Amino acid sequence: MKNKKLFFTYILLFIIFFCCIFSTKVFAADPKLITTIHSAFEKIESYIVKISTPAAAVAVGTGVLMKKFSFGDEEKIRTANKLMKGSLFSYAFILCIDLILSLFQTLLA
C-alpha cells in the first residue's frame, strides 16, 4: 500500500514537472508574471555586479592601507591580508556566478 502511494506520487510529480518544462516550448510563450520576475532578477543581477566592483576596490584599498600603516603589528597585517583575500575571492565568486548564469541563459534560450 505504501509503495503504491509512493509510486503514484512520483508519477504525479513527473507529470507536473513534464508539463511545466514543456508548456512554454509547446505554446511558445511565457506568462506575463514569469517575464516580469525574469526581468526583475536580471536587474538585480546587474545591480549586484555594478555594486560589487567598487565595493571590492574599496575593500582591497582598505586592506592595502591597513597593511601600509600597520607599523609592524602582525595582527593588523594578518587582518589586512584576510580582508584583501576575502574581498578578491568574493568578487571572483560574484563574477563566476554571473558567468554561469549567462551561460545557462544562452543554453536555455
Protein backbone atom coordinates (compact mmCIF):
# COMPACT_ATOMS: atom_id res chain seq x y z
CA MET A 1 0.00 0.00 0.00
CA LYS A 2 2.81 2.40 0.91
CA ASN A 3 4.70 1.57 -2.29
CA LYS A 4 1.63 2.32 -4.41
CA LYS A 5 1.23 5.75 -2.83
CA LEU A 6 4.90 6.47 -3.33
CA PHE A 7 4.73 5.28 -6.94
CA PHE A 8 1.69 7.43 -7.73
CA THR A 9 3.33 10.40 -6.02
CA TYR A 10 6.40 10.03 -8.22
CA ILE A 11 4.25 9.67 -11.33
CA LEU A 12 2.26 12.78 -10.40
CA LEU A 13 5.44 14.78 -9.75
CA PHE A 14 6.89 13.62 -13.06
CA ILE A 15 3.75 14.69 -14.93
CA ILE A 16 3.75 18.10 -13.24
CA PHE A 17 7.45 18.55 -13.96
CA PHE A 18 6.98 17.46 -17.58
CA CYS A 19 4.10 19.87 -18.08
CA CYS A 20 6.00 22.76 -16.52
CA ILE A 21 9.09 22.20 -18.65
CA PHE A 22 7.41 21.71 -21.99
CA SER A 23 4.40 24.03 -21.67
CA THR A 24 6.43 27.11 -22.60
CA LYS A 25 8.04 25.29 -25.51
CA VAL A 26 4.77 23.96 -26.86
CA PHE A 27 2.82 27.20 -26.65
CA ALA A 28 5.85 29.37 -27.49
CA ALA A 29 5.13 31.95 -24.82
CA ASP A 30 5.99 32.82 -21.27
CA PRO A 31 3.33 34.02 -18.86
CA LYS A 32 3.46 37.70 -18.03
CA LEU A 33 4.34 37.03 -14.38
CA ILE A 34 7.32 34.87 -15.37
CA THR A 35 8.55 37.53 -17.77
CA THR A 36 8.26 40.18 -15.06
CA ILE A 37 10.09 38.05 -12.50
CA HIS A 38 12.79 37.19 -15.03
CA SER A 39 13.40 40.84 -15.87
CA ALA A 40 13.46 41.73 -12.16
CA PHE A 41 16.13 39.09 -11.49
CA GLU A 42 18.18 40.38 -14.44
CA LYS A 43 18.04 43.91 -12.99
CA ILE A 44 19.03 42.65 -9.54
CA GLU A 45 21.92 40.70 -11.05
CA SER A 46 23.17 43.75 -12.94
CA TYR A 47 22.94 45.90 -9.80
CA ILE A 48 24.91 43.36 -7.78
CA VAL A 49 27.68 43.26 -10.39
CA LYS A 50 27.74 47.08 -10.59
CA ILE A 51 27.92 47.46 -6.82
CA SER A 52 30.42 44.67 -6.20
CA THR A 53 33.18 46.21 -8.32
CA PRO A 54 33.61 49.41 -6.30
CA ALA A 55 32.99 47.52 -3.06
CA ALA A 56 35.83 45.13 -3.83
CA ALA A 57 38.08 48.02 -4.80
CA VAL A 58 37.34 49.82 -1.53
CA ALA A 59 37.96 46.64 0.48
CA VAL A 60 41.28 45.97 -1.24
CA GLY A 61 42.30 49.61 -0.85
CA THR A 62 41.42 49.48 2.84
CA GLY A 63 43.48 46.31 3.21
CA VAL A 64 46.45 47.89 1.47
CA LEU A 65 46.26 50.98 3.69
CA MET A 66 45.92 48.81 6.80
CA LYS A 67 49.00 46.88 5.78
CA LYS A 68 50.91 50.05 4.92
CA PHE A 69 50.12 51.80 8.21
CA SER A 70 50.39 48.76 10.48
CA PHE A 71 53.87 49.81 11.61
CA GLY A 72 54.96 46.20 12.01
CA ASP A 73 51.96 44.99 14.04
CA GLU A 74 51.47 41.36 12.99
CA GLU A 75 47.77 41.28 13.90
CA LYS A 76 46.97 44.26 11.66
CA ILE A 77 48.99 42.75 8.81
CA ARG A 78 47.11 39.44 9.17
CA THR A 79 43.78 41.27 9.26
CA ALA A 80 44.72 43.29 6.17
CA ASN A 81 45.71 40.14 4.28
CA LYS A 82 42.45 38.42 5.25
CA LEU A 83 40.48 41.48 4.14
CA MET A 84 42.20 41.64 0.76
CA LYS A 85 41.94 37.89 0.11
CA GLY A 86 38.31 37.75 1.21
CA SER A 87 37.25 40.67 -0.93
CA LEU A 88 39.05 39.34 -4.01
CA PHE A 89 37.59 35.85 -3.55
CA SER A 90 34.08 37.21 -3.08
CA TYR A 91 34.41 39.44 -6.13
CA ALA A 92 35.67 36.49 -8.18
CA PHE A 93 32.75 34.42 -6.89
CA ILE A 94 30.24 37.07 -7.97
CA LEU A 95 31.82 37.26 -11.43
CA CYS A 96 31.79 33.46 -11.76
CA ILE A 97 28.13 33.31 -10.77
CA ASP A 98 27.36 35.98 -13.37
CA LEU A 99 29.26 33.97 -15.98
CA ILE A 100 27.46 30.73 -15.09
CA LEU A 101 24.03 32.40 -15.14
CA SER A 102 24.68 33.95 -18.54
CA LEU A 103 25.87 30.56 -19.81
CA PHE A 104 22.66 28.88 -18.62
CA GLN A 105 20.62 31.69 -20.11
CA THR A 106 22.18 31.22 -23.56
CA LEU A 107 21.86 27.43 -23.39
CA LEU A 108 18.20 27.52 -22.37
CA ALA A 109 17.15 30.26 -24.78
